[in-house]
Protein backbone atom coordinates (compact mmCIF):
# COMPACT_ATOMS: atom_id res chain seq x y z
CA MET A 1 141.77 2.38 123.15
CA SER A 2 138.03 3.42 122.89
CA THR A 3 136.15 2.52 126.09
CA ARG A 4 132.70 1.94 124.48
CA ARG A 5 133.95 -0.63 121.86
CA ASP A 6 134.69 -3.00 124.81
CA PHE A 7 131.10 -2.98 125.68
CA LEU A 8 129.82 -4.33 123.85
CA GLN A 9 134.42 -9.59 124.70
CA ARG A 10 129.81 -28.85 124.18
CA THR A 11 127.86 -30.35 126.80
CA VAL A 12 128.31 -32.01 129.96
CA GLY A 13 126.26 -34.50 131.75
CA VAL A 14 123.52 -36.95 130.64
CA ALA A 15 121.47 -35.76 127.45
CA ALA A 16 117.94 -35.71 129.10
CA ALA A 17 114.97 -35.66 126.87
CA ALA A 18 113.72 -32.35 125.99
CA LEU A 19 111.11 -30.85 128.50
CA PRO A 20 109.06 -27.87 128.41
CA LEU A 21 110.37 -24.68 129.70
CA GLY A 22 110.23 -24.76 133.52
CA GLN A 23 109.49 -28.33 133.99
CA SER A 24 111.77 -30.00 136.39
CA ALA A 25 114.17 -33.00 135.10
CA ALA A 26 114.13 -34.45 138.41
CA ALA A 27 115.81 -37.62 137.12
CA ALA A 28 118.90 -35.64 136.52
CA ASP A 29 119.01 -33.59 139.86
CA SER A 30 121.82 -35.74 141.18
CA GLN A 31 124.04 -35.15 138.29
CA PHE A 32 123.37 -31.40 137.85
CA GLU A 33 123.52 -30.63 141.69
CA PRO A 34 126.27 -32.49 143.10
CA LYS A 35 126.21 -32.47 147.05
CA GLY A 36 128.05 -29.59 148.74
CA ARG A 37 127.79 -27.49 145.45
CA THR A 38 128.15 -24.31 147.46
CA LYS A 39 130.87 -25.64 149.75
CA VAL A 40 134.11 -23.54 149.51
CA ASP A 41 137.38 -25.79 150.02
CA ALA A 42 139.06 -24.39 153.09
CA THR A 43 142.45 -25.05 151.28
CA ASP A 44 141.84 -22.90 148.35
CA ASN A 45 143.44 -19.43 148.12
CA TYR A 46 141.30 -17.78 145.60
CA ALA A 47 140.41 -14.70 148.09
CA GLN A 48 144.16 -14.08 148.77
CA ARG A 49 145.22 -14.34 145.13
CA LEU A 50 142.19 -12.09 143.95
CA GLU A 51 143.08 -9.47 146.52
CA ALA A 52 146.79 -9.60 145.61
CA ALA A 53 145.95 -9.26 141.94
CA ARG A 54 143.54 -6.38 142.52
CA VAL A 55 145.88 -4.40 144.56
CA ALA A 56 148.76 -4.93 142.25
CA THR A 57 146.71 -3.63 139.26
CA GLY A 58 144.89 -1.00 140.83
CA ILE A 59 141.35 -2.33 140.23
CA THR A 60 138.53 -0.73 142.31
CA GLY A 61 136.57 -3.87 143.07
CA ALA A 62 136.04 -7.50 142.10
CA SER A 63 133.70 -10.46 142.37
CA PHE A 64 134.76 -14.00 141.49
CA ALA A 65 132.87 -17.28 141.20
CA TYR A 66 134.28 -20.59 140.13
CA TRP A 67 132.57 -23.95 139.72
CA ASP A 68 135.47 -26.35 139.56
CA GLY A 69 133.32 -29.39 138.77
CA ARG A 70 132.72 -30.32 142.37
CA ALA A 71 132.32 -27.27 144.43
CA LEU A 72 131.59 -23.53 144.04
CA HIS A 73 134.33 -21.11 145.11
CA THR A 74 133.61 -17.33 145.69
CA ALA A 75 135.86 -14.45 146.50
CA VAL A 76 135.65 -10.77 146.54
CA SER A 77 138.03 -7.81 146.97
CA GLY A 78 137.91 -3.99 147.08
CA LEU A 79 134.99 -1.55 146.92
CA ARG A 80 131.73 -1.59 145.30
CA ASN A 81 131.56 2.16 145.62
CA SER A 82 134.68 4.19 145.55
CA VAL A 83 132.96 7.29 146.90
CA THR A 84 131.15 5.66 149.81
CA ARG A 85 133.89 3.20 150.28
CA ASP A 86 131.53 0.29 150.73
CA PRO A 87 133.28 -3.22 149.99
CA VAL A 88 132.25 -5.72 147.50
CA THR A 89 130.52 -8.53 149.05
CA VAL A 90 129.53 -12.02 147.52
CA ASP A 91 125.69 -10.84 147.06
CA THR A 92 126.77 -7.39 145.35
CA VAL A 93 125.33 -7.26 141.93
CA MET A 94 127.70 -5.92 139.26
CA HIS A 95 127.42 -4.90 135.58
CA VAL A 96 128.05 -7.83 133.19
CA GLY A 97 127.89 -5.80 130.06
CA SER A 98 127.93 -7.79 126.77
CA ILE A 99 127.81 -11.28 128.46
CA THR A 100 124.03 -10.49 128.31
CA LYS A 101 124.35 -11.52 124.62
CA VAL A 102 124.74 -15.03 125.48
CA MET A 103 121.39 -14.95 127.37
CA ASN A 104 119.84 -13.06 124.69
CA ALA A 105 120.88 -15.80 122.17
CA ALA A 106 119.31 -18.41 124.58
CA LEU A 107 116.02 -16.48 124.40
CA MET A 108 116.19 -16.62 120.63
CA MET A 109 117.00 -20.35 120.55
CA GLN A 110 113.95 -20.93 122.71
CA LEU A 111 112.05 -19.65 119.95
CA VAL A 112 113.74 -22.27 117.77
CA ASP A 113 112.83 -24.90 120.31
CA ASP A 114 109.25 -23.95 120.14
CA GLY A 115 109.10 -23.97 116.36
CA VAL A 116 108.39 -20.29 116.06
CA ILE A 117 111.54 -19.46 114.05
CA ALA A 118 114.41 -21.22 112.44
CA LEU A 119 117.87 -19.80 112.25
CA ALA A 120 117.92 -19.78 108.56
CA ASP A 121 114.67 -17.63 108.30
CA PRO A 122 115.20 -14.20 106.93
CA VAL A 123 114.75 -11.65 109.72
CA LEU A 124 112.09 -9.85 107.47
CA LYS A 125 109.82 -12.93 107.82
CA HIS A 126 109.42 -12.19 111.68
CA LEU A 127 110.07 -8.33 111.48
CA PRO A 128 108.67 -7.14 108.24
CA GLU A 129 108.86 -3.49 109.43
CA LEU A 130 112.49 -3.57 109.85
CA ARG A 131 114.46 -1.16 107.70
CA LEU A 132 118.10 -0.66 106.85
CA ARG A 133 119.66 1.87 104.45
CA ASP A 134 120.59 -1.26 102.14
CA MET A 135 117.32 -3.06 101.99
CA GLN A 136 118.80 -5.61 99.43
CA ALA A 137 121.40 -6.62 102.12
CA LEU A 138 118.64 -6.83 104.81
CA GLN A 139 116.74 -9.44 102.66
CA ARG A 140 119.78 -11.54 103.00
CA ILE A 141 120.13 -11.32 106.71
CA THR A 142 119.05 -14.32 108.72
CA CYS A 143 117.99 -14.89 112.30
CA GLY A 144 121.26 -16.58 112.92
CA MET A 145 123.28 -13.80 111.53
CA LEU A 146 121.91 -11.56 114.37
CA VAL A 147 123.54 -13.64 117.02
CA ASN A 148 126.84 -14.75 115.42
CA HIS A 149 127.90 -11.20 114.26
CA THR A 150 127.93 -12.02 110.45
CA SER A 151 125.05 -9.51 109.63
CA GLY A 152 127.40 -6.79 108.28
CA ILE A 153 125.14 -4.21 109.85
CA ASP A 154 127.24 -1.05 110.67
CA GLY A 155 125.68 -0.76 114.19
CA GLU A 156 128.26 -0.48 116.99
CA TRP A 157 126.23 2.23 118.82
CA LEU A 158 123.61 4.97 118.32
CA PRO A 159 123.07 8.53 119.66
CA GLU A 160 120.91 8.58 122.80
CA TYR A 161 117.73 10.55 123.15
CA GLY A 162 116.73 10.40 126.96
CA PRO A 163 114.92 7.79 128.81
CA ASP A 164 111.51 8.49 127.34
CA ARG A 165 112.80 7.61 123.78
CA GLU A 166 115.12 4.75 124.67
CA ARG A 167 112.81 1.66 124.30
CA ILE A 168 114.31 -1.34 122.64
CA VAL A 169 111.95 -0.69 119.85
CA ASP A 170 113.24 2.72 119.50
CA ALA A 171 116.87 1.55 118.65
CA VAL A 172 115.39 -0.95 116.19
CA LYS A 173 113.54 1.79 114.25
CA ARG A 174 116.71 3.90 114.08
CA CYS A 175 118.55 1.04 112.12
CA ALA A 176 116.83 2.64 109.09
CA ASP A 177 119.77 5.07 109.06
CA LEU A 178 122.43 2.39 109.28
CA GLY A 179 124.60 1.07 106.44
CA GLN A 180 126.62 -2.16 105.87
CA LEU A 181 130.29 -2.67 106.70
CA TYR A 182 130.16 -5.69 104.34
CA ALA A 183 127.70 -7.99 102.84
CA PRO A 184 125.75 -10.24 104.94
CA GLY A 185 127.73 -13.59 105.79
CA GLU A 186 130.85 -12.23 104.03
CA ALA A 187 132.81 -11.59 107.29
CA THR A 188 132.62 -11.49 111.01
CA SER A 189 132.48 -8.26 113.04
CA TYR A 190 130.88 -7.66 116.35
CA CYS A 191 127.49 -6.01 116.12
CA ASN A 192 125.59 -4.51 119.06
CA LEU A 193 122.68 -3.42 116.94
CA ALA A 194 122.10 -7.00 115.52
CA THR A 195 121.94 -8.41 119.11
CA VAL A 196 119.35 -5.69 119.73
CA ILE A 197 117.29 -6.82 116.67
CA ALA A 198 117.31 -10.09 117.88
CA GLY A 199 116.11 -9.26 121.44
CA HIS A 200 113.25 -7.19 119.93
CA MET A 201 112.30 -10.31 117.97
CA THR A 202 111.78 -12.17 120.96
CA GLU A 203 109.66 -9.70 122.62
CA ARG A 204 107.76 -9.21 119.40
CA LEU A 205 106.93 -12.92 118.84
CA ARG A 206 106.34 -13.78 122.58
CA GLY A 207 104.21 -10.69 123.07
CA LYS A 208 105.97 -9.67 126.26
CA SER A 209 108.78 -7.22 127.07
CA TRP A 210 112.28 -8.48 126.78
CA TYR A 211 112.79 -7.51 130.48
CA THR A 212 110.00 -9.72 131.43
CA LEU A 213 111.36 -12.62 129.33
CA MET A 214 114.75 -12.43 130.91
CA LYS A 215 113.11 -12.73 134.30
CA THR A 216 110.64 -15.40 133.55
CA ARG A 217 112.56 -17.62 131.22
CA ILE A 218 116.04 -17.22 132.42
CA TYR A 219 116.35 -15.90 135.86
CA GLU A 220 113.40 -17.53 137.68
CA PRO A 221 113.66 -20.97 136.21
CA LEU A 222 117.30 -21.25 137.14
CA GLY A 223 116.95 -19.63 140.55
CA MET A 224 119.00 -16.67 139.68
CA HIS A 225 117.95 -14.51 142.75
CA HIS A 226 120.53 -12.00 142.32
CA ALA A 227 120.11 -10.72 138.66
CA LEU A 228 118.30 -7.88 137.02
CA VAL A 229 117.93 -6.12 133.77
CA ASP A 230 115.44 -3.53 134.85
CA PRO A 231 117.30 -0.72 136.42
CA LEU A 232 114.40 0.24 138.54
CA GLU A 233 115.11 -2.91 140.50
CA VAL A 234 118.46 -1.77 141.64
CA PRO A 235 117.41 -0.61 145.22
CA ARG A 236 116.53 -4.13 145.95
CA PHE A 237 120.04 -5.13 145.90
CA ARG A 238 123.67 -4.18 146.83
CA ALA A 239 124.80 -2.70 143.70
CA SER A 240 128.27 -1.69 142.49
CA ILE A 241 129.00 1.50 140.40
CA GLY A 242 131.77 1.84 137.92
CA ASP A 243 134.96 3.90 137.86
CA LEU A 244 136.42 5.49 134.83
CA THR A 245 139.90 6.67 133.94
CA ASP A 246 140.39 10.30 133.67
CA VAL A 247 142.80 10.38 130.56
CA ALA A 248 144.44 13.67 131.69
CA THR A 249 145.32 12.42 135.25
CA GLY A 250 145.26 8.56 134.85
CA LYS A 251 143.19 8.69 138.00
CA PHE A 252 139.71 7.06 138.44
CA VAL A 253 136.70 9.04 138.49
CA GLN A 254 133.16 7.54 139.39
CA THR A 255 130.84 7.60 136.35
CA THR A 256 127.80 9.78 136.46
CA ARG A 257 125.84 7.32 134.16
CA PRO A 258 125.94 3.83 135.60
CA PHE A 259 123.71 2.49 132.82
CA LEU A 260 123.86 2.95 129.23
CA ALA A 261 120.72 3.31 127.03
CA PRO A 262 118.12 0.81 127.83
CA SER A 263 117.31 0.37 124.19
CA PHE A 264 120.61 -1.59 124.19
CA ALA A 265 119.66 -3.84 126.92
CA PRO A 266 119.68 -6.95 124.87
CA ALA A 267 123.28 -6.09 123.88
CA GLY A 268 124.03 -5.59 127.56
CA SER A 269 123.57 -1.96 128.81
CA THR A 270 121.52 -2.78 131.87
CA GLN A 271 122.02 -6.35 133.27
CA MET A 272 123.57 -6.86 136.71
CA THR A 273 124.26 -10.03 138.52
CA THR A 274 126.42 -11.58 141.28
CA ALA A 275 129.42 -13.65 139.95
CA ALA A 276 127.86 -16.79 141.46
CA ASP A 277 124.39 -16.35 139.60
CA LEU A 278 126.28 -15.83 136.21
CA VAL A 279 128.03 -19.09 136.88
CA MET A 280 124.81 -20.70 137.48
CA PHE A 281 123.65 -19.65 134.01
CA ALA A 282 126.82 -20.94 132.47
CA ARG A 283 126.56 -24.45 134.17
CA ALA A 284 122.83 -24.66 132.77
CA MET A 285 124.27 -23.78 129.18
CA ILE A 286 127.05 -26.50 129.31
CA ASN A 287 124.65 -29.03 131.05
CA GLY A 288 122.41 -29.47 127.96
CA GLY A 289 120.25 -26.49 129.14
CA VAL A 290 119.29 -27.86 132.40
CA GLY A 291 119.98 -25.83 135.48
CA VAL A 292 121.76 -27.08 138.70
CA ASN A 293 117.97 -27.09 140.19
CA GLY A 294 117.16 -29.63 137.54
CA THR A 295 114.97 -27.11 135.59
CA ARG A 296 115.43 -27.00 131.81
CA ILE A 297 115.38 -23.77 130.01
CA LEU A 298 116.82 -25.04 126.51
CA ALA A 299 116.70 -28.00 124.50
CA ASP A 300 119.81 -30.16 124.52
CA ALA A 301 120.14 -29.71 120.87
CA SER A 302 119.83 -25.96 121.06
CA SER A 303 122.33 -25.54 123.97
CA LYS A 304 124.90 -27.71 121.80
CA ARG A 305 124.10 -25.61 118.71
CA MET A 306 124.96 -22.50 120.59
CA MET A 307 128.34 -23.90 121.51
CA GLU A 308 129.21 -25.03 117.88
CA PRO A 309 131.44 -22.88 115.68
CA THR A 310 129.62 -20.90 112.95
CA ALA A 311 132.08 -18.29 111.98
CA GLU A 312 135.42 -16.67 113.30
CA PHE A 313 136.92 -13.23 113.65
CA VAL A 314 139.86 -12.10 111.76
CA ALA A 315 142.91 -13.76 113.39
CA ILE A 316 145.26 -11.52 115.41
CA GLY A 317 148.56 -13.08 116.07
CA THR A 318 148.20 -16.61 117.19
CA SER A 319 144.76 -15.93 118.66
CA VAL A 320 141.86 -17.29 116.69
CA LEU A 321 138.44 -16.53 118.21
CA LYS A 322 135.45 -18.44 116.75
CA VAL A 323 131.87 -17.65 117.07
CA GLY A 324 129.02 -19.84 118.12
CA LEU A 325 125.47 -18.51 118.80
CA GLY A 326 125.95 -15.75 121.56
CA TRP A 327 129.18 -17.63 122.71
CA MET A 328 132.78 -17.01 121.87
CA ILE A 329 135.04 -20.18 121.42
CA SER A 330 138.67 -19.93 121.96
CA ALA A 331 141.32 -22.58 121.78
CA GLY A 332 140.79 -25.83 123.76
CA GLY A 333 137.09 -25.58 123.41
CA VAL A 334 136.75 -22.87 125.96
CA LEU A 335 133.51 -20.79 125.73
CA GLY A 336 133.46 -17.33 126.97
CA HIS A 337 132.19 -13.85 126.53
CA GLY A 338 133.37 -10.37 128.02
CA GLY A 339 131.38 -7.41 128.81
CA GLY A 340 132.17 -3.69 129.28
CA GLY A 341 130.43 -0.41 130.01
CA PRO A 342 130.99 2.83 131.99
CA GLY A 343 133.64 1.76 134.30
CA VAL A 344 132.93 -2.10 133.70
CA ARG A 345 134.92 -5.13 132.79
CA SER A 346 133.45 -8.61 133.07
CA GLN A 347 134.40 -11.97 132.07
CA LEU A 348 132.45 -15.37 131.90
CA TYR A 349 134.12 -18.61 130.80
CA ALA A 350 132.86 -22.24 130.53
CA HIS A 351 134.69 -25.58 129.64
CA PRO A 352 132.12 -28.20 128.70
CA ALA A 353 134.71 -30.83 128.44
CA SER A 354 135.47 -30.61 132.17
CA GLY A 355 132.34 -29.11 133.34
CA ARG A 356 133.78 -25.97 134.72
CA ALA A 357 132.71 -22.34 134.70
CA LEU A 358 133.95 -19.02 136.17
CA ALA A 359 133.01 -15.50 136.25
CA LEU A 360 134.97 -12.41 137.20
CA LEU A 361 133.12 -9.02 137.53
CA THR A 362 134.98 -5.69 138.12
CA ASN A 363 133.90 -2.13 138.42
CA CYS A 364 136.55 -0.06 136.74
CA ASP A 365 137.74 0.27 133.20
CA LYS A 366 141.19 -1.14 133.85
CA GLY A 367 139.40 -4.44 135.12
CA GLU A 368 140.69 -6.27 132.08
CA ALA A 369 144.19 -6.32 133.74
CA LEU A 370 142.81 -8.88 136.11
CA LYS A 371 142.65 -11.50 133.29
CA SER A 372 146.21 -11.94 132.85
CA ALA A 373 147.09 -11.33 136.72
CA PHE A 374 144.42 -13.65 137.96
CA LEU A 375 142.29 -15.62 135.32
CA ASP A 376 144.71 -16.91 132.93
CA PRO A 377 146.42 -19.48 135.23
CA ILE A 378 143.01 -20.93 135.92
CA LEU A 379 142.05 -20.94 132.25
CA GLU A 380 145.34 -22.62 131.37
CA SER A 381 144.76 -25.33 133.82
CA TRP A 382 141.59 -26.26 131.89
CA THR A 383 143.24 -26.80 128.69
CA GLY A 384 147.04 -26.75 129.19
CA ILE A 385 147.23 -23.95 126.50
CA LYS A 386 149.40 -21.02 127.59
CA HIS A 387 148.89 -17.42 126.20
CA SER A 388 151.98 -16.28 124.52
CA ARG A 389 152.97 -12.77 123.59
CA PRO A 390 154.05 -12.09 119.97
CA HIS A 391 157.81 -11.06 119.23
CA ARG A 392 158.02 -7.80 117.74
CA LEU A 393 159.95 -7.49 114.37
CA LYS A 394 162.90 -5.37 113.87
CA GLY A 395 163.39 -2.92 110.97
CA GLN A 396 161.49 -0.21 109.26
CA VAL A 397 157.74 -0.32 108.54
CA ASP A 398 156.51 0.93 105.15
CA PRO A 399 153.57 3.02 106.45
CA ARG A 400 151.77 3.53 103.08
CA PRO A 401 149.51 0.30 103.03
CA TYR A 402 148.12 1.20 106.40
CA GLN A 403 148.00 4.69 107.31
CA GLY A 404 144.49 6.17 106.89
CA THR A 405 141.28 6.69 108.78
CA TYR A 406 139.22 3.50 109.58
CA GLU A 407 135.57 3.89 111.02
CA ASN A 408 132.42 2.18 112.00
CA ASN A 409 129.37 4.14 112.71
CA ALA A 410 130.67 4.99 116.33
CA ASP A 411 134.34 4.80 116.30
CA ARG A 412 137.18 6.40 114.36
CA TYR A 413 140.90 4.87 114.31
CA ILE A 414 143.42 7.27 112.65
CA VAL A 415 146.72 5.56 111.69
CA THR A 416 149.58 7.68 110.91
CA ALA A 417 153.32 7.23 110.24
CA ARG A 418 155.88 7.77 113.02
CA GLU A 419 159.63 7.17 112.78
CA GLY A 420 160.23 3.41 112.18
CA GLY A 421 156.61 2.39 112.34
CA LEU A 422 152.98 3.47 113.08
CA ALA A 423 150.96 5.45 115.48
CA LEU A 424 147.27 4.74 116.42
CA ARG A 425 144.84 7.61 117.74
CA THR A 426 141.21 6.54 118.43
CA ALA A 427 138.20 8.75 118.86
CA ASP A 428 134.54 8.10 119.92
CA LYS A 429 132.02 9.67 117.40
CA LEU A 430 129.35 9.37 119.77
CA SER A 431 129.53 10.69 123.61
CA THR A 432 128.40 7.72 125.65
CA PHE A 433 130.80 7.64 128.57
CA ASP A 434 131.77 10.54 130.80
CA ASN A 435 135.53 10.49 129.27
CA SER A 436 134.56 9.91 125.65
CA ASN A 437 135.40 13.33 124.66
CA GLN A 438 138.64 13.38 126.23
CA GLN A 439 141.68 13.57 123.97
CA ARG A 440 143.72 10.19 124.01
CA PRO A 441 147.39 10.22 123.22
CA ALA A 442 148.59 8.39 120.17
CA ALA A 443 149.78 4.76 120.75
CA ALA A 444 152.88 3.54 119.10
CA LEU A 445 152.30 0.48 117.05
CA TYR A 446 155.05 -2.28 116.43
CA PRO A 447 154.92 -4.84 113.92
CA VAL A 448 154.72 -8.62 114.74
CA GLY A 449 154.26 -10.14 111.25
CA ASN A 450 151.32 -10.68 109.05
CA ASP A 451 150.20 -7.10 108.83
CA THR A 452 149.60 -7.30 112.62
CA PHE A 453 150.82 -4.64 114.97
CA GLU A 454 150.76 -4.40 118.85
CA GLY A 455 151.16 -1.60 121.38
CA MET A 456 149.91 -0.16 124.72
CA THR A 457 147.17 2.16 125.35
CA ALA A 458 147.47 5.34 127.62
CA THR A 459 145.53 3.48 130.28
CA GLY A 460 148.01 0.47 130.12
CA SER A 461 145.88 -1.83 128.31
CA GLU A 462 147.45 -4.17 125.62
CA LEU A 463 146.50 -3.30 122.02
CA ALA A 464 146.58 -5.56 119.16
CA ILE A 465 145.34 -4.83 115.59
CA ARG A 466 145.51 -6.31 112.06
CA PHE A 467 145.05 -4.75 108.70
CA VAL A 468 143.14 -7.08 106.18
CA ARG A 469 141.84 -6.96 102.49
CA PRO A 470 144.20 -4.73 100.45
CA ASP A 471 142.69 -3.06 97.45
CA VAL A 472 144.24 -3.07 93.88
CA ARG A 473 146.72 -0.24 95.14
CA GLY A 474 147.76 -2.12 97.95
CA GLN A 475 146.07 -0.07 100.65
CA MET A 476 144.33 -1.98 103.46
CA ARG A 477 140.42 -1.72 103.45
CA PHE A 478 139.84 -2.88 106.84
CA LEU A 479 141.41 -2.77 110.43
CA ALA A 480 140.61 -5.32 112.78
CA SER A 481 140.62 -4.54 116.44
CA GLY A 482 139.83 -7.46 118.65
CA ASP A 483 136.46 -8.56 117.22
CA ARG A 484 135.52 -5.48 115.18
CA LEU A 485 136.24 -4.46 111.55
CA LEU A 486 136.48 -0.83 110.94
CA ALA A 487 136.40 0.31 107.11
CA ARG A 488 138.77 2.63 105.57
CA SER A 489 137.02 5.86 105.12
CA ARG A 490 140.06 7.81 103.71
């Protein structure tokens, strides 16, 4: 329903001895870079399938890369810029949004590798100047909680103050005004601000900017030549720009703000890559921290630790999404992370058991539709697990436990009664996208059991929410939407 909230959705090969960052693991070259790794199988039909799915779903443009364990397949379709009508090409860099959080977690794990921090360390040990409204809660927040969404910080987004006041450290200073959704470690709810704090910690302890660390400790060692986090580098590349849905007309309008605030860069506001470069990163992560060029960026133990479940989000229907460090973990051991932004929907998946990885980048806010239309059959082939829709229950719904207003610091969900069920209206409390202030029609909610409801947004996206933690009066205290918790405010 709300556009901004989407912004921010095991190893393979030999276990080489840990090497210093940037040192080549030459003995492992043949295993991490099979011959013909950039060859596209002439019999594949990914390009045709992507084109058909993109046209059917009305997506502006898409770029796809897939390492199937033997060869790299790439496919592109549509426009990188709907105004100039330029096509997407394989070297077009596109926004990846919150997929950045996996790389940000890798930067933190490099600090663990070097003995600079431990995941169990209190954050205040390394950032003693950090402030939250609840300082007692802050004393219990550990480094690990910053990258597995268990800190409890009510920090979805912040107001923006213009380029000269949007450094990463500026966002961290503004945390002093933030409260807690829940006590640290008590629950799991996606938190952009915690990731920003983690990114700031890396730059503070390394003595270099976060942007420099991404280039020198991720991009350059892995050979990611079509990747950027500094928007000033955009003129070097063919870059896409996103389209947003005009709620009133249903038509796409090109965003006037291709990048969100750079103060949120560690959470994903600025990074752009090609799909192929993103797959290159994922392969390094599931190859024990060693890139396809044989360069190690992370210790084997740390790459494994990132992929191990540490918490899980509220289950909605049959979907149980666990959290590693940076990574999300779904059924069958599939690692993944999604990303969003102004007219951006991106997906990254990896399967350590088979050594496969794929990325799908799109430049419109309906890009999620390509997951079911194009990606799901590929993902199902990895695990044999098929996505199933819940069955709607018949009968009347008692609205009393559910109706009310649920909020985090940036979003408001208003649940009301309608004949036979519930309705949901959402609002952005902060104006971050061009269409943030547009009135969105209420969506009808249908029960599917276990205090869970489904529906469809005005833009045609699937909607699923669950109400949890009733109080002594039987009123639900939280609404779970995807991987977020919103607390009842009234």
